[in-house]
N, C-alpha and C. Protein backbone atom coordinates (compact mmCIF):
# COMPACT_ATOMS: atom_id res chain seq x y z
N MET A 1 -39.36 -41.73 -110.76
CA MET A 1 -39.49 -40.65 -109.78
C MET A 1 -38.53 -40.91 -108.63
N GLY A 2 -37.72 -39.92 -108.30
CA GLY A 2 -36.73 -40.11 -107.26
C GLY A 2 -37.33 -40.04 -105.88
N THR A 3 -36.57 -40.52 -104.91
CA THR A 3 -36.99 -40.49 -103.51
C THR A 3 -36.06 -39.58 -102.75
N THR A 4 -36.60 -38.66 -102.01
CA THR A 4 -35.80 -37.73 -101.22
C THR A 4 -35.84 -38.13 -99.76
N ILE A 5 -34.67 -38.26 -99.16
CA ILE A 5 -34.57 -38.61 -97.74
C ILE A 5 -34.08 -37.39 -96.98
N GLN A 6 -34.88 -36.91 -96.07
CA GLN A 6 -34.51 -35.74 -95.28
C GLN A 6 -33.84 -36.18 -93.99
N THR A 7 -32.74 -35.53 -93.69
CA THR A 7 -31.99 -35.84 -92.48
C THR A 7 -32.08 -34.67 -91.52
N SER A 8 -32.54 -34.93 -90.30
CA SER A 8 -32.67 -33.86 -89.32
C SER A 8 -31.32 -33.49 -88.75
N SER A 9 -31.28 -32.33 -88.09
CA SER A 9 -30.03 -31.89 -87.46
C SER A 9 -29.59 -32.89 -86.40
N LYS A 10 -30.54 -33.47 -85.70
CA LYS A 10 -30.21 -34.46 -84.68
C LYS A 10 -29.54 -35.68 -85.30
N ASP A 11 -30.09 -36.13 -86.45
CA ASP A 11 -29.50 -37.29 -87.13
C ASP A 11 -28.09 -36.99 -87.60
N ARG A 12 -27.89 -35.78 -88.16
CA ARG A 12 -26.56 -35.41 -88.63
C ARG A 12 -25.56 -35.34 -87.49
N LEU A 13 -26.00 -34.79 -86.36
CA LEU A 13 -25.12 -34.73 -85.19
C LEU A 13 -24.79 -36.12 -84.67
N GLU A 14 -25.79 -37.01 -84.69
CA GLU A 14 -25.56 -38.38 -84.23
C GLU A 14 -24.56 -39.09 -85.11
N LYS A 15 -24.69 -38.91 -86.45
CA LYS A 15 -23.75 -39.54 -87.36
C LYS A 15 -22.35 -38.97 -87.21
N ALA A 16 -22.27 -37.65 -87.00
CA ALA A 16 -20.96 -37.02 -86.80
C ALA A 16 -20.32 -37.52 -85.52
N TRP A 17 -21.14 -37.68 -84.46
CA TRP A 17 -20.61 -38.17 -83.20
C TRP A 17 -20.11 -39.60 -83.34
N GLN A 18 -20.86 -40.44 -84.06
CA GLN A 18 -20.45 -41.83 -84.26
C GLN A 18 -19.16 -41.91 -85.07
N ALA A 19 -19.02 -41.03 -86.09
CA ALA A 19 -17.80 -41.02 -86.89
C ALA A 19 -16.60 -40.60 -86.04
N LEU A 20 -16.82 -39.58 -85.18
CA LEU A 20 -15.75 -39.14 -84.30
C LEU A 20 -15.38 -40.22 -83.30
N GLN A 21 -16.38 -40.93 -82.78
CA GLN A 21 -16.14 -42.01 -81.83
C GLN A 21 -15.36 -43.14 -82.49
N SER A 22 -15.72 -43.48 -83.74
CA SER A 22 -15.01 -44.54 -84.46
C SER A 22 -13.55 -44.16 -84.70
N ALA A 23 -13.31 -42.89 -85.04
CA ALA A 23 -11.94 -42.44 -85.25
C ALA A 23 -11.13 -42.50 -83.96
N GLN A 24 -11.76 -42.14 -82.85
CA GLN A 24 -11.08 -42.20 -81.55
C GLN A 24 -10.80 -43.65 -81.16
N ASP A 25 -11.75 -44.55 -81.43
CA ASP A 25 -11.54 -45.97 -81.13
C ASP A 25 -10.38 -46.52 -81.95
N LEU A 26 -10.30 -46.13 -83.22
CA LEU A 26 -9.21 -46.59 -84.08
C LEU A 26 -7.86 -46.12 -83.55
N GLN A 27 -7.81 -44.86 -83.10
CA GLN A 27 -6.57 -44.32 -82.57
C GLN A 27 -6.16 -45.04 -81.28
N GLU A 28 -7.13 -45.30 -80.41
CA GLU A 28 -6.83 -45.99 -79.15
C GLU A 28 -6.37 -47.42 -79.40
N ASP A 29 -7.00 -48.11 -80.36
CA ASP A 29 -6.57 -49.47 -80.69
C ASP A 29 -5.17 -49.48 -81.28
N ARG A 30 -4.83 -48.44 -82.08
CA ARG A 30 -3.48 -48.36 -82.65
C ARG A 30 -2.44 -48.20 -81.55
N ILE A 31 -2.76 -47.37 -80.55
CA ILE A 31 -1.83 -47.16 -79.43
C ILE A 31 -1.74 -48.42 -78.57
N ARG A 32 -2.87 -49.09 -78.37
CA ARG A 32 -2.92 -50.25 -77.47
C ARG A 32 -2.28 -51.48 -78.08
N PHE A 33 -2.56 -51.74 -79.36
CA PHE A 33 -2.12 -52.99 -79.99
C PHE A 33 -0.99 -52.80 -81.00
N GLY A 34 -0.62 -51.54 -81.32
CA GLY A 34 0.44 -51.32 -82.32
C GLY A 34 -0.03 -51.77 -83.69
N LEU A 35 0.89 -52.35 -84.46
CA LEU A 35 0.54 -52.79 -85.81
C LEU A 35 -0.53 -53.89 -85.80
N ASP A 36 -0.61 -54.62 -84.68
CA ASP A 36 -1.59 -55.70 -84.61
C ASP A 36 -3.03 -55.18 -84.61
N HIS A 37 -3.21 -53.85 -84.40
CA HIS A 37 -4.59 -53.34 -84.38
C HIS A 37 -5.28 -53.50 -85.72
N VAL A 38 -4.49 -53.65 -86.79
CA VAL A 38 -5.08 -53.83 -88.12
C VAL A 38 -5.92 -55.10 -88.16
N ASN A 39 -5.50 -56.12 -87.39
CA ASN A 39 -6.23 -57.39 -87.38
C ASN A 39 -7.65 -57.25 -86.84
N LEU A 40 -7.89 -56.18 -86.05
CA LEU A 40 -9.22 -55.96 -85.49
C LEU A 40 -10.18 -55.42 -86.55
N TYR A 41 -9.63 -54.81 -87.60
CA TYR A 41 -10.47 -54.13 -88.58
C TYR A 41 -10.45 -54.79 -89.96
N VAL A 42 -9.43 -55.59 -90.22
CA VAL A 42 -9.32 -56.24 -91.52
C VAL A 42 -9.16 -57.74 -91.31
N GLU A 43 -10.09 -58.51 -91.82
CA GLU A 43 -10.04 -59.96 -91.70
C GLU A 43 -8.93 -60.51 -92.57
N ASP A 44 -8.10 -61.43 -92.00
CA ASP A 44 -7.04 -62.09 -92.76
C ASP A 44 -6.16 -61.06 -93.46
N VAL A 45 -5.55 -60.18 -92.64
CA VAL A 45 -4.82 -59.04 -93.19
C VAL A 45 -3.65 -59.47 -94.06
N GLU A 46 -3.08 -60.67 -93.81
CA GLU A 46 -1.94 -61.13 -94.59
C GLU A 46 -2.35 -61.98 -95.79
N GLY A 47 -3.65 -62.15 -95.97
CA GLY A 47 -4.12 -62.98 -97.08
C GLY A 47 -4.36 -62.17 -98.34
N ASP A 48 -5.26 -62.67 -99.19
CA ASP A 48 -5.50 -62.03 -100.49
C ASP A 48 -6.76 -61.17 -100.45
N TRP A 49 -7.01 -60.54 -99.28
CA TRP A 49 -8.24 -59.77 -99.14
C TRP A 49 -8.32 -58.60 -100.11
N LEU A 50 -7.14 -58.02 -100.49
CA LEU A 50 -7.16 -56.89 -101.40
C LEU A 50 -7.64 -57.31 -102.79
N GLU A 51 -7.21 -58.51 -103.21
CA GLU A 51 -7.61 -59.00 -104.52
C GLU A 51 -9.08 -59.39 -104.56
N THR A 52 -9.63 -59.80 -103.41
CA THR A 52 -11.02 -60.25 -103.37
C THR A 52 -11.94 -59.21 -102.75
N TRP A 53 -11.45 -57.97 -102.68
CA TRP A 53 -12.24 -56.90 -102.07
C TRP A 53 -13.59 -56.75 -102.78
N GLY A 54 -14.68 -56.74 -102.00
CA GLY A 54 -16.00 -56.56 -102.56
C GLY A 54 -16.70 -57.84 -102.96
N GLU A 55 -16.00 -58.97 -102.92
CA GLU A 55 -16.62 -60.22 -103.34
C GLU A 55 -17.42 -60.88 -102.22
N GLY A 56 -17.03 -60.66 -100.99
CA GLY A 56 -17.71 -61.28 -99.85
C GLY A 56 -18.64 -60.31 -99.16
N PRO A 57 -19.31 -60.76 -98.09
CA PRO A 57 -20.21 -59.88 -97.35
C PRO A 57 -19.41 -58.80 -96.62
N GLU A 58 -20.06 -57.68 -96.38
CA GLU A 58 -19.41 -56.57 -95.69
C GLU A 58 -19.07 -56.97 -94.26
N TRP A 59 -17.83 -56.70 -93.86
CA TRP A 59 -17.38 -57.06 -92.52
C TRP A 59 -17.74 -55.96 -91.55
N GLN A 60 -18.30 -56.29 -90.42
CA GLN A 60 -18.71 -55.30 -89.44
C GLN A 60 -17.74 -55.29 -88.27
N ASN A 61 -17.52 -54.11 -87.72
CA ASN A 61 -16.65 -54.00 -86.56
C ASN A 61 -17.27 -54.73 -85.38
N PRO A 62 -16.48 -55.50 -84.64
CA PRO A 62 -17.03 -56.23 -83.50
C PRO A 62 -17.31 -55.30 -82.32
N VAL A 63 -18.13 -55.78 -81.41
CA VAL A 63 -18.37 -55.06 -80.16
C VAL A 63 -17.09 -55.14 -79.34
N ASN A 64 -16.56 -53.99 -78.94
CA ASN A 64 -15.31 -53.93 -78.20
C ASN A 64 -15.60 -53.97 -76.70
N LEU A 65 -15.47 -55.17 -76.12
CA LEU A 65 -15.80 -55.33 -74.70
C LEU A 65 -14.84 -54.58 -73.79
N GLY A 66 -13.58 -54.39 -74.24
CA GLY A 66 -12.61 -53.68 -73.42
C GLY A 66 -13.05 -52.27 -73.09
N LYS A 67 -13.78 -51.65 -74.00
CA LYS A 67 -14.24 -50.27 -73.78
C LYS A 67 -15.42 -50.21 -72.82
N TRP A 68 -16.04 -51.36 -72.56
CA TRP A 68 -17.15 -51.36 -71.59
C TRP A 68 -16.66 -51.01 -70.20
N PHE A 69 -15.41 -51.33 -69.89
CA PHE A 69 -14.87 -50.97 -68.58
C PHE A 69 -14.82 -49.45 -68.41
N GLN A 70 -14.80 -48.72 -69.53
CA GLN A 70 -14.80 -47.27 -69.51
C GLN A 70 -16.21 -46.70 -69.71
N GLU A 71 -17.21 -47.59 -69.62
CA GLU A 71 -18.61 -47.23 -69.79
C GLU A 71 -18.87 -46.63 -71.16
N ARG A 72 -18.22 -47.19 -72.16
CA ARG A 72 -18.44 -46.79 -73.55
C ARG A 72 -19.06 -47.98 -74.27
N PHE A 73 -20.36 -47.85 -74.56
CA PHE A 73 -21.14 -48.96 -75.09
C PHE A 73 -21.62 -48.66 -76.51
N GLU A 74 -21.64 -49.68 -77.34
CA GLU A 74 -22.13 -49.52 -78.70
C GLU A 74 -23.65 -49.34 -78.70
N PRO A 75 -24.19 -48.69 -79.74
CA PRO A 75 -25.65 -48.52 -79.84
C PRO A 75 -26.36 -49.87 -79.82
N GLY A 76 -27.50 -49.89 -79.14
CA GLY A 76 -28.29 -51.11 -79.05
C GLY A 76 -28.07 -51.90 -77.78
N TRP A 77 -26.96 -51.64 -77.09
CA TRP A 77 -26.68 -52.33 -75.84
C TRP A 77 -27.15 -51.45 -74.69
N GLN A 78 -28.13 -51.96 -73.94
CA GLN A 78 -28.81 -51.17 -72.93
C GLN A 78 -28.52 -51.67 -71.52
N ALA A 79 -28.82 -50.81 -70.55
CA ALA A 79 -28.76 -51.23 -69.15
C ALA A 79 -29.82 -52.31 -68.91
N ILE A 80 -29.55 -53.18 -67.94
CA ILE A 80 -30.45 -54.30 -67.66
C ILE A 80 -31.87 -53.82 -67.33
N ASP A 81 -31.98 -52.76 -66.53
CA ASP A 81 -33.29 -52.26 -66.12
C ASP A 81 -34.10 -51.69 -67.29
N GLU A 82 -33.43 -51.37 -68.39
CA GLU A 82 -34.13 -50.84 -69.56
C GLU A 82 -34.72 -51.96 -70.42
N VAL A 83 -34.29 -53.18 -70.18
CA VAL A 83 -34.72 -54.30 -71.01
C VAL A 83 -35.73 -55.19 -70.30
N PHE A 84 -35.53 -55.39 -68.99
CA PHE A 84 -36.39 -56.31 -68.23
C PHE A 84 -37.35 -55.54 -67.34
N CYS A 85 -38.53 -56.12 -67.14
CA CYS A 85 -39.50 -55.56 -66.21
C CYS A 85 -38.96 -55.69 -64.78
N PRO A 86 -39.22 -54.72 -63.92
CA PRO A 86 -38.69 -54.77 -62.54
C PRO A 86 -39.08 -56.03 -61.78
N GLU A 87 -40.27 -56.57 -62.07
CA GLU A 87 -40.75 -57.74 -61.32
C GLU A 87 -40.28 -59.05 -61.94
N LYS A 88 -39.50 -59.00 -63.01
CA LYS A 88 -39.04 -60.21 -63.68
C LYS A 88 -38.12 -61.02 -62.76
N ASP A 89 -38.40 -62.32 -62.61
CA ASP A 89 -37.59 -63.15 -61.73
C ASP A 89 -36.14 -63.23 -62.18
N SER A 90 -35.94 -63.31 -63.49
CA SER A 90 -34.57 -63.44 -64.01
C SER A 90 -33.74 -62.20 -63.75
N LEU A 91 -34.39 -61.06 -63.51
CA LEU A 91 -33.65 -59.82 -63.28
C LEU A 91 -32.77 -59.94 -62.04
N ALA A 92 -33.29 -60.57 -60.99
CA ALA A 92 -32.51 -60.75 -59.77
C ALA A 92 -31.31 -61.65 -60.02
N LEU A 93 -31.49 -62.70 -60.83
CA LEU A 93 -30.38 -63.60 -61.14
C LEU A 93 -29.29 -62.89 -61.92
N ILE A 94 -29.68 -62.04 -62.86
CA ILE A 94 -28.71 -61.31 -63.65
C ILE A 94 -27.95 -60.30 -62.80
N ARG A 95 -28.66 -59.64 -61.91
CA ARG A 95 -28.02 -58.63 -61.05
C ARG A 95 -27.02 -59.24 -60.09
N GLU A 96 -27.24 -60.50 -59.70
CA GLU A 96 -26.33 -61.14 -58.75
C GLU A 96 -24.93 -61.33 -59.32
N THR A 97 -24.79 -61.36 -60.62
CA THR A 97 -23.49 -61.58 -61.26
C THR A 97 -22.71 -60.28 -61.26
N ALA A 98 -21.51 -60.30 -60.66
CA ALA A 98 -20.68 -59.11 -60.59
C ALA A 98 -20.06 -58.81 -61.95
N GLY A 99 -19.87 -57.53 -62.23
CA GLY A 99 -19.21 -57.13 -63.46
C GLY A 99 -19.98 -56.07 -64.20
N VAL A 100 -19.44 -55.64 -65.33
CA VAL A 100 -20.10 -54.67 -66.20
C VAL A 100 -21.01 -55.44 -67.14
N LYS A 101 -22.26 -55.07 -67.19
CA LYS A 101 -23.21 -55.85 -67.98
C LYS A 101 -24.08 -54.95 -68.84
N ARG A 102 -24.44 -55.50 -70.00
CA ARG A 102 -25.35 -54.83 -70.92
C ARG A 102 -26.21 -55.90 -71.60
N ALA A 103 -27.38 -55.48 -72.07
CA ALA A 103 -28.31 -56.40 -72.71
C ALA A 103 -28.75 -55.84 -74.06
N LYS A 104 -29.04 -56.73 -74.98
CA LYS A 104 -29.53 -56.35 -76.30
C LYS A 104 -30.76 -57.19 -76.62
N THR A 105 -31.84 -56.53 -76.99
CA THR A 105 -33.08 -57.24 -77.31
C THR A 105 -33.01 -57.80 -78.72
N LEU A 106 -33.40 -59.07 -78.86
CA LEU A 106 -33.40 -59.75 -80.14
C LEU A 106 -34.82 -60.23 -80.45
N GLN A 107 -35.18 -60.19 -81.73
CA GLN A 107 -36.46 -60.73 -82.17
C GLN A 107 -36.18 -61.95 -83.03
N LEU A 108 -36.57 -63.11 -82.56
CA LEU A 108 -36.32 -64.35 -83.28
C LEU A 108 -37.64 -65.04 -83.59
N GLY A 109 -37.70 -65.71 -84.72
CA GLY A 109 -38.92 -66.38 -85.14
C GLY A 109 -39.52 -65.66 -86.33
N TYR A 110 -40.62 -66.16 -86.81
CA TYR A 110 -41.24 -65.61 -88.01
C TYR A 110 -42.68 -65.19 -87.74
N GLN A 111 -43.01 -64.01 -88.25
CA GLN A 111 -44.37 -63.47 -88.21
C GLN A 111 -44.92 -63.49 -86.79
N ASN A 112 -46.02 -64.20 -86.59
CA ASN A 112 -46.69 -64.17 -85.28
C ASN A 112 -45.99 -65.01 -84.23
N SER A 113 -44.98 -65.79 -84.64
CA SER A 113 -44.30 -66.66 -83.69
C SER A 113 -43.03 -66.02 -83.11
N GLN A 114 -42.83 -64.73 -83.37
CA GLN A 114 -41.62 -64.09 -82.88
C GLN A 114 -41.59 -64.09 -81.35
N ARG A 115 -40.41 -64.36 -80.82
CA ARG A 115 -40.23 -64.40 -79.37
C ARG A 115 -39.18 -63.34 -78.98
N PRO A 116 -39.55 -62.30 -78.26
CA PRO A 116 -38.55 -61.33 -77.83
C PRO A 116 -37.69 -61.90 -76.71
N ILE A 117 -36.39 -61.91 -76.93
CA ILE A 117 -35.47 -62.39 -75.91
C ILE A 117 -34.34 -61.37 -75.77
N ALA A 118 -33.55 -61.51 -74.73
CA ALA A 118 -32.44 -60.59 -74.50
C ALA A 118 -31.14 -61.37 -74.42
N LEU A 119 -30.13 -60.85 -75.11
CA LEU A 119 -28.77 -61.37 -75.02
C LEU A 119 -28.04 -60.49 -74.01
N ILE A 120 -27.57 -61.09 -72.93
CA ILE A 120 -26.89 -60.35 -71.86
C ILE A 120 -25.42 -60.74 -71.83
N VAL A 121 -24.56 -59.74 -71.81
CA VAL A 121 -23.12 -59.98 -71.73
C VAL A 121 -22.58 -59.27 -70.50
N THR A 122 -21.88 -60.01 -69.64
CA THR A 122 -21.27 -59.47 -68.43
C THR A 122 -19.77 -59.70 -68.50
N ILE A 123 -18.98 -58.66 -68.25
CA ILE A 123 -17.53 -58.80 -68.27
C ILE A 123 -16.95 -58.40 -66.91
N LYS A 124 -15.83 -59.03 -66.57
CA LYS A 124 -15.12 -58.65 -65.36
C LYS A 124 -13.63 -58.95 -65.55
N ALA A 125 -12.80 -58.14 -64.91
CA ALA A 125 -11.36 -58.31 -65.01
C ALA A 125 -10.93 -59.52 -64.19
N GLU A 126 -10.05 -60.35 -64.77
CA GLU A 126 -9.51 -61.51 -64.09
C GLU A 126 -8.00 -61.41 -63.99
N SER A 127 -7.37 -62.42 -63.41
CA SER A 127 -5.92 -62.40 -63.23
C SER A 127 -5.20 -62.57 -64.57
N HIS A 128 -3.93 -62.18 -64.57
CA HIS A 128 -3.07 -62.32 -65.75
C HIS A 128 -3.59 -61.52 -66.95
N GLY A 129 -4.29 -60.42 -66.67
CA GLY A 129 -4.74 -59.54 -67.73
C GLY A 129 -5.91 -60.06 -68.54
N GLU A 130 -6.50 -61.17 -68.13
CA GLU A 130 -7.62 -61.73 -68.90
C GLU A 130 -8.94 -61.08 -68.49
N THR A 131 -9.90 -61.18 -69.38
CA THR A 131 -11.25 -60.69 -69.12
C THR A 131 -12.21 -61.87 -69.15
N GLY A 132 -12.98 -62.01 -68.09
CA GLY A 132 -14.01 -63.04 -68.05
C GLY A 132 -15.28 -62.54 -68.69
N VAL A 133 -15.92 -63.39 -69.48
CA VAL A 133 -17.14 -63.00 -70.20
C VAL A 133 -18.23 -64.04 -69.90
N LEU A 134 -19.36 -63.56 -69.41
CA LEU A 134 -20.53 -64.40 -69.19
C LEU A 134 -21.60 -64.00 -70.19
N VAL A 135 -22.05 -64.95 -71.00
CA VAL A 135 -23.07 -64.70 -72.01
C VAL A 135 -24.34 -65.42 -71.58
N GLN A 136 -25.45 -64.70 -71.53
CA GLN A 136 -26.73 -65.27 -71.10
C GLN A 136 -27.83 -64.88 -72.08
N VAL A 137 -28.85 -65.73 -72.13
CA VAL A 137 -30.05 -65.44 -72.91
C VAL A 137 -31.26 -65.68 -72.01
N TYR A 138 -32.13 -64.67 -71.92
CA TYR A 138 -33.36 -64.79 -71.13
C TYR A 138 -34.52 -64.24 -71.93
N PRO A 139 -35.72 -64.75 -71.67
CA PRO A 139 -36.90 -64.17 -72.33
C PRO A 139 -37.25 -62.82 -71.72
N THR A 140 -37.82 -61.94 -72.53
CA THR A 140 -38.28 -60.65 -72.03
C THR A 140 -39.80 -60.64 -72.11
N GLY A 141 -40.38 -59.53 -71.71
CA GLY A 141 -41.84 -59.44 -71.74
C GLY A 141 -42.47 -60.33 -70.67
N ASP A 142 -43.64 -60.89 -70.98
CA ASP A 142 -44.38 -61.67 -69.98
C ASP A 142 -44.16 -63.18 -70.12
N ARG A 143 -43.25 -63.59 -71.01
CA ARG A 143 -43.00 -65.03 -71.17
C ARG A 143 -41.97 -65.49 -70.14
N PRO A 144 -42.27 -66.53 -69.35
CA PRO A 144 -41.33 -66.99 -68.34
C PRO A 144 -40.27 -67.95 -68.86
N GLU A 145 -40.48 -68.47 -70.08
CA GLU A 145 -39.58 -69.51 -70.58
C GLU A 145 -39.06 -69.15 -71.97
N LEU A 146 -37.88 -69.70 -72.28
CA LEU A 146 -37.34 -69.59 -73.63
C LEU A 146 -38.05 -70.58 -74.54
N PRO A 147 -38.14 -70.29 -75.82
CA PRO A 147 -38.71 -71.29 -76.75
C PRO A 147 -37.80 -72.51 -76.83
N ALA A 148 -38.38 -73.70 -76.75
CA ALA A 148 -37.59 -74.93 -76.82
C ALA A 148 -36.86 -75.00 -78.17
N GLY A 149 -35.61 -75.43 -78.11
CA GLY A 149 -34.81 -75.54 -79.32
C GLY A 149 -33.96 -74.33 -79.62
N LEU A 150 -34.13 -73.24 -78.87
CA LEU A 150 -33.29 -72.06 -79.08
C LEU A 150 -31.84 -72.41 -78.76
N GLN A 151 -30.92 -72.02 -79.63
CA GLN A 151 -29.51 -72.38 -79.48
C GLN A 151 -28.66 -71.15 -79.20
N LEU A 152 -27.74 -71.29 -78.27
CA LEU A 152 -26.73 -70.27 -77.98
C LEU A 152 -25.38 -70.88 -78.30
N THR A 153 -24.67 -70.31 -79.29
CA THR A 153 -23.44 -70.91 -79.81
C THR A 153 -22.29 -69.93 -79.74
N LEU A 154 -21.13 -70.43 -79.30
CA LEU A 154 -19.90 -69.66 -79.28
C LEU A 154 -19.02 -70.11 -80.44
N LEU A 155 -18.60 -69.14 -81.27
CA LEU A 155 -17.77 -69.43 -82.43
C LEU A 155 -16.42 -68.74 -82.30
N SER A 156 -15.39 -69.38 -82.82
CA SER A 156 -14.07 -68.75 -82.84
C SER A 156 -14.03 -67.67 -83.92
N HIS A 157 -12.91 -66.93 -83.95
CA HIS A 157 -12.72 -65.89 -84.95
C HIS A 157 -12.82 -66.46 -86.37
N HIS A 158 -12.45 -67.73 -86.54
CA HIS A 158 -12.47 -68.35 -87.85
C HIS A 158 -13.78 -69.10 -88.13
N GLY A 159 -14.74 -69.01 -87.21
CA GLY A 159 -16.03 -69.63 -87.44
C GLY A 159 -16.17 -71.04 -86.91
N ASP A 160 -15.15 -71.53 -86.18
CA ASP A 160 -15.24 -72.88 -85.60
C ASP A 160 -16.17 -72.86 -84.40
N ARG A 161 -17.00 -73.88 -84.28
CA ARG A 161 -17.94 -73.98 -83.16
C ARG A 161 -17.19 -74.45 -81.93
N LEU A 162 -17.17 -73.61 -80.89
CA LEU A 162 -16.44 -73.92 -79.66
C LEU A 162 -17.34 -74.49 -78.58
N HIS A 163 -18.57 -74.01 -78.51
CA HIS A 163 -19.48 -74.47 -77.46
C HIS A 163 -20.90 -74.12 -77.86
N GLU A 164 -21.85 -74.94 -77.41
CA GLU A 164 -23.25 -74.69 -77.75
C GLU A 164 -24.15 -75.23 -76.65
N VAL A 165 -25.17 -74.47 -76.32
CA VAL A 165 -26.19 -74.92 -75.37
C VAL A 165 -27.55 -74.72 -76.04
N VAL A 166 -28.49 -75.61 -75.73
CA VAL A 166 -29.80 -75.60 -76.37
C VAL A 166 -30.88 -75.59 -75.29
N ALA A 167 -31.87 -74.74 -75.47
CA ALA A 167 -32.97 -74.64 -74.52
C ALA A 167 -33.90 -75.85 -74.64
N ARG A 168 -34.23 -76.43 -73.50
CA ARG A 168 -35.20 -77.51 -73.45
C ARG A 168 -36.56 -76.94 -73.04
N ASN A 169 -37.56 -77.79 -72.95
CA ASN A 169 -38.87 -77.33 -72.48
C ASN A 169 -38.75 -76.80 -71.05
N ALA A 170 -39.35 -75.65 -70.81
CA ALA A 170 -39.41 -75.02 -69.49
C ALA A 170 -38.09 -74.41 -69.04
N ASP A 171 -37.10 -74.27 -69.92
CA ASP A 171 -35.86 -73.58 -69.55
C ASP A 171 -36.11 -72.08 -69.52
N SER A 172 -35.72 -71.44 -68.42
CA SER A 172 -35.93 -69.99 -68.29
C SER A 172 -34.73 -69.19 -68.76
N GLY A 173 -33.59 -69.84 -69.02
CA GLY A 173 -32.41 -69.10 -69.48
C GLY A 173 -31.31 -70.04 -69.92
N LEU A 174 -30.37 -69.49 -70.68
CA LEU A 174 -29.17 -70.21 -71.10
C LEU A 174 -27.96 -69.35 -70.79
N GLN A 175 -26.81 -69.97 -70.56
CA GLN A 175 -25.60 -69.19 -70.34
C GLN A 175 -24.36 -70.01 -70.66
N MET A 176 -23.27 -69.27 -70.93
CA MET A 176 -21.96 -69.89 -71.12
C MET A 176 -20.90 -68.87 -70.70
N GLU A 177 -19.75 -69.38 -70.29
CA GLU A 177 -18.66 -68.54 -69.82
C GLU A 177 -17.42 -68.76 -70.67
N LEU A 178 -16.63 -67.70 -70.82
CA LEU A 178 -15.34 -67.79 -71.49
C LEU A 178 -14.44 -66.70 -70.94
N SER A 179 -13.18 -66.77 -71.25
CA SER A 179 -12.23 -65.73 -70.86
C SER A 179 -11.18 -65.62 -71.95
N GLY A 180 -10.53 -64.46 -72.02
CA GLY A 180 -9.52 -64.27 -73.05
C GLY A 180 -8.69 -63.04 -72.82
N GLN A 181 -7.64 -62.91 -73.60
CA GLN A 181 -6.75 -61.77 -73.55
C GLN A 181 -7.27 -60.65 -74.46
N PRO A 182 -6.85 -59.40 -74.21
CA PRO A 182 -7.25 -58.31 -75.08
C PRO A 182 -6.87 -58.58 -76.53
N GLY A 183 -7.81 -58.33 -77.42
CA GLY A 183 -7.58 -58.54 -78.85
C GLY A 183 -8.18 -59.83 -79.38
N GLU A 184 -8.51 -60.78 -78.50
CA GLU A 184 -9.12 -62.04 -78.96
C GLU A 184 -10.55 -61.77 -79.41
N ARG A 185 -10.94 -62.45 -80.48
CA ARG A 185 -12.26 -62.24 -81.07
C ARG A 185 -13.08 -63.51 -81.05
N TYR A 186 -14.38 -63.34 -80.82
CA TYR A 186 -15.33 -64.44 -80.82
C TYR A 186 -16.63 -63.97 -81.44
N SER A 187 -17.48 -64.91 -81.77
CA SER A 187 -18.84 -64.60 -82.21
C SER A 187 -19.83 -65.39 -81.38
N ILE A 188 -20.97 -64.77 -81.12
CA ILE A 188 -22.07 -65.43 -80.42
C ILE A 188 -23.24 -65.50 -81.39
N GLN A 189 -23.80 -66.69 -81.54
CA GLN A 189 -24.98 -66.86 -82.38
C GLN A 189 -26.16 -67.32 -81.53
N VAL A 190 -27.29 -66.69 -81.76
CA VAL A 190 -28.54 -67.12 -81.13
C VAL A 190 -29.45 -67.55 -82.27
N THR A 191 -29.88 -68.82 -82.23
CA THR A 191 -30.62 -69.40 -83.35
C THR A 191 -31.94 -69.99 -82.87
N LEU A 192 -33.00 -69.70 -83.61
CA LEU A 192 -34.30 -70.31 -83.36
C LEU A 192 -34.87 -70.72 -84.71
N GLU A 193 -34.99 -72.03 -84.90
CA GLU A 193 -35.44 -72.58 -86.18
C GLU A 193 -34.51 -72.09 -87.29
N ARG A 194 -35.04 -71.36 -88.28
CA ARG A 194 -34.20 -70.88 -89.37
C ARG A 194 -33.73 -69.44 -89.16
N ASP A 195 -34.10 -68.84 -88.05
CA ASP A 195 -33.75 -67.45 -87.78
C ASP A 195 -32.50 -67.41 -86.90
N ARG A 196 -31.59 -66.50 -87.24
CA ARG A 196 -30.31 -66.47 -86.52
C ARG A 196 -29.81 -65.04 -86.39
N VAL A 197 -29.27 -64.73 -85.20
CA VAL A 197 -28.63 -63.44 -84.95
C VAL A 197 -27.19 -63.70 -84.51
N THR A 198 -26.24 -62.98 -85.10
CA THR A 198 -24.83 -63.16 -84.77
C THR A 198 -24.25 -61.84 -84.27
N GLU A 199 -23.53 -61.90 -83.16
CA GLU A 199 -22.84 -60.73 -82.61
C GLU A 199 -21.35 -61.06 -82.50
N GLU A 200 -20.51 -60.20 -83.07
CA GLU A 200 -19.07 -60.37 -82.98
C GLU A 200 -18.51 -59.51 -81.85
N PHE A 201 -17.54 -60.10 -81.10
CA PHE A 201 -16.95 -59.40 -79.97
C PHE A 201 -15.43 -59.44 -80.07
N VAL A 202 -14.79 -58.39 -79.59
CA VAL A 202 -13.35 -58.42 -79.36
C VAL A 202 -13.14 -58.08 -77.89
N ILE A 203 -12.33 -58.87 -77.23
CA ILE A 203 -12.09 -58.68 -75.80
C ILE A 203 -11.11 -57.52 -75.60
């Protein structure tokens, strides 16, 4: 027996808008980076990716931080006030940091041990055309502390581990800073026990 999936007009419009937005992003990247823009969409463009097409996991487009300066944010990235309670102590600390910031709620852990936390990314323009990036992790809801052992890891475009911080008992947050030129790519991993969330970024 087949399964029928009904799509509402709102869903169709949302998908059409996302497709149009993706096409516009591709055009802007082509103008901004020239032929090098292909590197943003195809991993190892000069390698044997065509021969091995379909053999590896599907590659996802990274979060484009450069477009955040234009207030163009990917789905799932929310304003700080939409993620944290107004009375949350960490909210004041996050607000003190200058720059464009967005937060994404993550669920880590298994079954009843899941801990809702937020990944916060703040960007600001620096000298010599570089962009400064501050990555933070804070608990959401009514928990004042991060679960001990939670890891925040920065990975290079090729998967090399560049930096890592680990939450200890009673830690209320974790953070790390980096900077880079437009087009540079990184990954952020948030890990708790065997559960892991990875977000890819392009500056």
